[in-house]
Amino acid sequence: MRVLLCEDDALIAIGITEGLRLQSLIVDHVETAAAAWGLLTTTAFDVLILDLGLPDEDGLQLLSRMRREGHDLPVLILTARDSVNDRVLGLQVGGDDYLLKPFDLRELAARLHTLVRRAAGRAANVIEHGALRFDPVSRDTRLDGQPVELARREQALLLALLNNPGRVLSGDQIKDAMYGFDDDVGSNALNVHIHHLRRKLGNDIVETIRGVGYRLGPPLATAERQS
């Protein structure tokens, strides 16, 4: 999951960024509404964490502009504004969730996963794809009921595919889901991660569409794997 964090308090931003990265989320941080808008119009994110008290523009104005322009990205409002009117207004303008400061990082991560799950049209956190079961929250991966150890990038790659069943993703789209702006991405990194994922979950987990990109392979039943 790739998260855009718009928060002008440096200490809070560092805490959120480091805490979410420990839970295998990809986090890009900006301090202003203008910087957030610039990224939202050029880069694909799974969810936005939005502070309201930004130095250049109120967060609600940014959120309202996003919705007017057709951005349907899930937005979690993270703020110290604790009145009922503030919460109602935030949700009415287009926020999908509202979390008050101070907060627990575990709750924040759980809410983010819930927003992304709903955006993908899933009713439960655990994603099933034939004999494969993947929990984005706990990062537990099982194939035919047996645990499979996936590295952080492999988890991000798998989640990007599972969240887009039937859709062909370009290499750049997949990299956007796996890496932040501060990450050093080797020229062959994506191919290496795809190779590792296929080795652990089977060659059919990732389909290569030559000249276009990649997509999630068809579900493979346990009996087919054993035959």
Protein backbone atom coordinates (compact mmCIF):
# COMPACT_ATOMS: atom_id res chain seq x y z
CA MET A 1 0.00 0.00 0.00
CA ARG A 2 1.35 3.42 -0.96
CA VAL A 3 0.34 6.25 1.35
CA LEU A 4 0.58 10.01 0.83
CA LEU A 5 0.95 11.81 4.15
CA CYS A 6 0.17 15.55 4.17
CA GLU A 7 1.27 16.79 7.61
CA ASP A 8 3.20 19.95 8.50
CA ASP A 9 4.27 18.91 12.02
CA ALA A 10 7.71 17.36 11.51
CA LEU A 11 7.69 15.20 14.65
CA ILE A 12 4.26 13.77 13.96
CA ALA A 13 5.20 13.14 10.32
CA ILE A 14 8.39 11.30 11.29
CA GLY A 15 6.50 9.14 13.77
CA ILE A 16 3.80 8.23 11.26
CA THR A 17 6.25 7.60 8.43
CA GLU A 18 8.57 5.37 10.45
CA GLY A 19 5.70 3.56 12.18
CA LEU A 20 3.85 2.75 8.96
CA ARG A 21 7.02 1.71 7.16
CA LEU A 22 7.66 -0.81 9.93
CA GLN A 23 4.29 -2.28 8.95
CA SER A 24 5.43 -2.57 5.32
CA LEU A 25 3.52 0.45 4.02
CA ILE A 26 5.13 2.79 1.49
CA VAL A 27 4.88 6.39 2.74
CA ASP A 28 5.61 9.66 0.94
CA HIS A 29 5.44 12.81 3.08
CA VAL A 30 4.66 16.41 2.12
CA GLU A 31 4.08 19.43 4.34
CA THR A 32 1.76 21.61 2.24
CA ALA A 33 -1.48 21.36 0.31
CA ALA A 34 0.29 22.57 -2.84
CA ALA A 35 2.86 19.77 -2.64
CA ALA A 36 0.12 17.21 -2.01
CA TRP A 37 -1.88 18.45 -5.00
CA GLY A 38 1.18 18.24 -7.21
CA LEU A 39 1.74 14.58 -6.29
CA LEU A 40 -1.93 13.66 -6.52
CA THR A 41 -2.03 14.81 -10.13
CA THR A 42 1.10 12.88 -11.15
CA THR A 43 1.42 9.78 -8.94
CA ALA A 44 -0.87 6.90 -7.99
CA PHE A 45 -1.49 6.42 -4.25
CA ASP A 46 -3.76 4.03 -2.41
CA VAL A 47 -4.80 6.42 0.36
CA LEU A 48 -4.19 9.96 1.64
CA ILE A 49 -3.65 10.94 5.28
CA LEU A 50 -4.65 14.59 5.46
CA ASP A 51 -3.98 17.09 8.24
CA LEU A 52 -6.34 20.07 8.21
CA GLY A 53 -4.14 22.80 9.68
CA LEU A 54 -1.73 23.16 6.77
CA PRO A 55 0.43 26.30 6.35
CA ASP A 56 -0.72 27.27 2.85
CA GLU A 57 -4.33 26.09 2.72
CA ASP A 58 -6.89 24.49 4.96
CA GLY A 59 -6.97 20.73 4.39
CA LEU A 60 -10.72 20.82 3.80
CA GLN A 61 -10.19 23.12 0.83
CA LEU A 62 -7.73 20.67 -0.66
CA LEU A 63 -10.14 17.81 -0.05
CA SER A 64 -13.02 19.73 -1.63
CA ARG A 65 -10.90 20.50 -4.69
CA MET A 66 -9.93 16.83 -4.99
CA ARG A 67 -13.55 15.73 -5.07
CA ARG A 68 -14.55 18.44 -7.53
CA GLU A 69 -11.78 17.31 -9.87
CA GLY A 70 -12.91 13.70 -9.66
CA HIS A 71 -10.21 12.28 -7.38
CA ASP A 72 -11.80 9.31 -5.62
CA LEU A 73 -8.72 8.42 -3.57
CA PRO A 74 -9.69 7.34 -0.03
CA VAL A 75 -8.88 10.12 2.46
CA LEU A 76 -8.33 9.76 6.18
CA ILE A 77 -8.51 13.12 7.96
CA LEU A 78 -6.01 13.29 10.83
CA THR A 79 -6.47 16.36 12.99
CA ALA A 80 -6.79 17.86 16.46
CA ARG A 81 -10.14 19.45 15.56
CA ASP A 82 -12.39 17.43 17.82
CA SER A 83 -15.83 19.05 17.67
CA VAL A 84 -18.77 17.15 16.21
CA ASN A 85 -19.28 19.94 13.66
CA ASP A 86 -15.68 19.59 12.46
CA ARG A 87 -16.07 15.84 12.04
CA VAL A 88 -19.38 16.14 10.21
CA LEU A 89 -17.96 18.82 7.90
CA GLY A 90 -14.88 16.73 7.13
CA LEU A 91 -17.00 13.76 6.13
CA GLN A 92 -19.45 15.89 4.17
CA VAL A 93 -16.69 17.54 2.15
CA GLY A 94 -15.44 14.12 1.07
CA GLY A 95 -13.39 12.52 3.83
CA ASP A 96 -13.74 8.77 4.21
CA ASP A 97 -12.60 8.57 7.82
CA TYR A 98 -11.72 10.96 10.65
CA LEU A 99 -9.10 10.26 13.31
CA LEU A 100 -8.24 12.60 16.17
CA LYS A 101 -4.76 13.43 17.46
CA PRO A 102 -3.27 11.95 19.57
CA PHE A 103 -3.76 8.48 18.12
CA ASP A 104 -2.37 4.96 18.19
CA LEU A 105 -0.34 3.93 15.14
CA ARG A 106 -1.94 0.50 15.14
CA GLU A 107 -5.38 2.07 14.85
CA LEU A 108 -4.18 4.38 12.09
CA ALA A 109 -2.77 1.45 10.10
CA ALA A 110 -5.95 -0.58 10.62
CA ARG A 111 -8.11 2.30 9.40
CA LEU A 112 -5.93 2.75 6.31
CA HIS A 113 -6.22 -0.92 5.44
CA THR A 114 -10.00 -0.72 5.91
CA LEU A 115 -10.28 2.26 3.55
CA VAL A 116 -8.22 0.55 0.86
CA ARG A 117 -10.16 -2.68 1.32
CA ARG A 118 -13.47 -0.87 0.82
CA ALA A 119 -12.13 0.99 -2.22
CA ALA A 120 -11.22 -2.38 -3.74
CA GLY A 121 -14.75 -3.67 -3.07
CA ARG A 122 -13.75 -6.29 -0.52
CA ALA A 123 -15.79 -7.10 2.58
CA ALA A 124 -12.95 -8.73 4.52
CA ASN A 125 -9.29 -7.99 5.08
CA VAL A 126 -8.09 -11.43 4.00
CA ILE A 127 -7.81 -11.75 0.22
CA GLU A 128 -8.35 -15.20 -1.26
CA HIS A 129 -7.16 -16.14 -4.73
CA GLY A 130 -7.66 -19.83 -5.22
CA ALA A 131 -5.26 -21.65 -2.91
CA LEU A 132 -3.64 -18.34 -1.91
CA ARG A 133 -4.68 -16.37 1.18
CA PHE A 134 -3.11 -13.00 1.96
CA ASP A 135 -3.85 -10.70 4.90
CA PRO A 136 -2.57 -7.15 4.15
CA VAL A 137 -2.85 -6.16 7.83
CA SER A 138 -0.90 -9.00 9.45
CA ARG A 139 1.00 -9.70 6.18
CA ASP A 140 0.30 -13.40 6.71
CA THR A 141 0.60 -15.28 3.42
CA ARG A 142 -0.54 -18.87 2.98
CA LEU A 143 -0.53 -21.18 0.00
CA ASP A 144 -2.48 -24.42 0.30
CA GLY A 145 -2.73 -23.57 4.00
CA GLN A 146 1.04 -23.42 4.43
CA PRO A 147 2.77 -20.18 5.48
CA VAL A 148 4.94 -18.45 2.88
CA GLU A 149 7.55 -15.87 3.84
CA LEU A 150 7.46 -12.85 1.56
CA ALA A 151 9.82 -9.88 1.68
CA ARG A 152 8.31 -6.40 2.06
CA ARG A 153 8.60 -5.57 -1.65
CA GLU A 154 7.13 -8.93 -2.60
CA GLN A 155 4.16 -8.23 -0.33
CA ALA A 156 3.65 -4.84 -1.98
CA LEU A 157 3.84 -6.40 -5.43
CA LEU A 158 1.37 -9.12 -4.52
CA LEU A 159 -1.07 -6.64 -2.98
CA ALA A 160 -0.95 -4.41 -6.07
CA LEU A 161 -1.92 -7.39 -8.23
CA LEU A 162 -4.60 -8.68 -5.83
CA ASN A 163 -6.18 -5.23 -5.61
CA ASN A 164 -6.49 -5.09 -9.41
CA PRO A 165 -7.77 -8.50 -10.55
CA GLY A 166 -8.10 -8.71 -14.31
CA ARG A 167 -6.38 -5.37 -14.85
CA VAL A 168 -3.06 -5.07 -16.67
CA LEU A 169 -0.63 -2.86 -14.74
CA SER A 170 2.35 -1.23 -16.37
CA GLY A 171 5.78 -1.63 -14.85
CA ASP A 172 5.65 1.99 -13.66
CA GLN A 173 2.27 1.48 -12.00
CA ILE A 174 3.58 -1.53 -10.10
CA LYS A 175 6.73 0.35 -9.07
CA ASP A 176 4.54 3.19 -7.78
CA ALA A 177 2.86 0.67 -5.48
CA MET A 178 6.17 -0.77 -4.29
CA TYR A 179 8.47 2.22 -3.86
CA GLY A 180 8.43 5.73 -2.43
CA PHE A 181 10.22 8.71 -3.90
CA ASP A 182 13.18 8.28 -1.54
CA ASP A 183 13.75 4.65 -2.49
CA ASP A 184 16.59 3.65 -4.77
CA VAL A 185 15.08 1.49 -7.52
CA GLY A 186 17.43 -0.61 -9.63
CA SER A 187 16.77 -1.00 -13.34
CA ASN A 188 16.07 -4.73 -12.94
CA ALA A 189 14.41 -4.57 -9.51
CA LEU A 190 10.86 -5.29 -10.67
CA ASN A 191 11.91 -8.34 -12.67
CA VAL A 192 13.79 -9.67 -9.66
CA HIS A 193 10.78 -9.29 -7.35
CA ILE A 194 8.46 -10.91 -9.91
CA HIS A 195 10.90 -13.82 -10.21
CA HIS A 196 10.96 -14.27 -6.43
CA LEU A 197 7.16 -14.09 -6.17
CA ARG A 198 6.75 -16.71 -8.88
CA ARG A 199 9.31 -18.95 -7.20
CA LYS A 200 7.41 -18.80 -3.90
CA LEU A 201 3.80 -18.80 -5.13
CA GLY A 202 4.00 -20.47 -8.53
CA ASN A 203 4.74 -19.23 -12.05
CA ASP A 204 1.08 -18.49 -12.76
CA ILE A 205 0.72 -15.90 -9.98
CA VAL A 206 1.96 -13.15 -12.34
CA GLU A 207 1.07 -13.05 -16.03
CA THR A 208 3.33 -11.09 -18.34
CA ILE A 209 1.50 -9.20 -21.08
CA ARG A 210 4.31 -8.49 -23.51
CA GLY A 211 4.76 -4.86 -24.39
CA VAL A 212 2.06 -3.79 -21.92
CA GLY A 213 2.73 -4.95 -18.36
CA TYR A 214 1.61 -7.53 -15.84
CA ARG A 215 -1.58 -8.83 -14.29
CA LEU A 216 -2.70 -11.28 -11.65
CA GLY A 217 -2.86 -14.82 -12.95
CA PRO A 218 -5.99 -17.01 -12.68
CA PRO A 219 -6.81 -18.66 -9.33
CA LEU A 220 -5.15 -22.06 -9.05
CA ALA A 221 -6.95 -24.73 -7.03
CA THR A 222 -5.10 -26.89 -4.57
CA ALA A 223 -5.81 -30.03 -6.60
CA GLU A 224 -4.31 -28.41 -9.71
CA ARG A 225 -1.16 -27.53 -7.83
CA GLN A 226 -0.74 -31.09 -6.63
CA SER A 227 -1.43 -32.72 -10.02
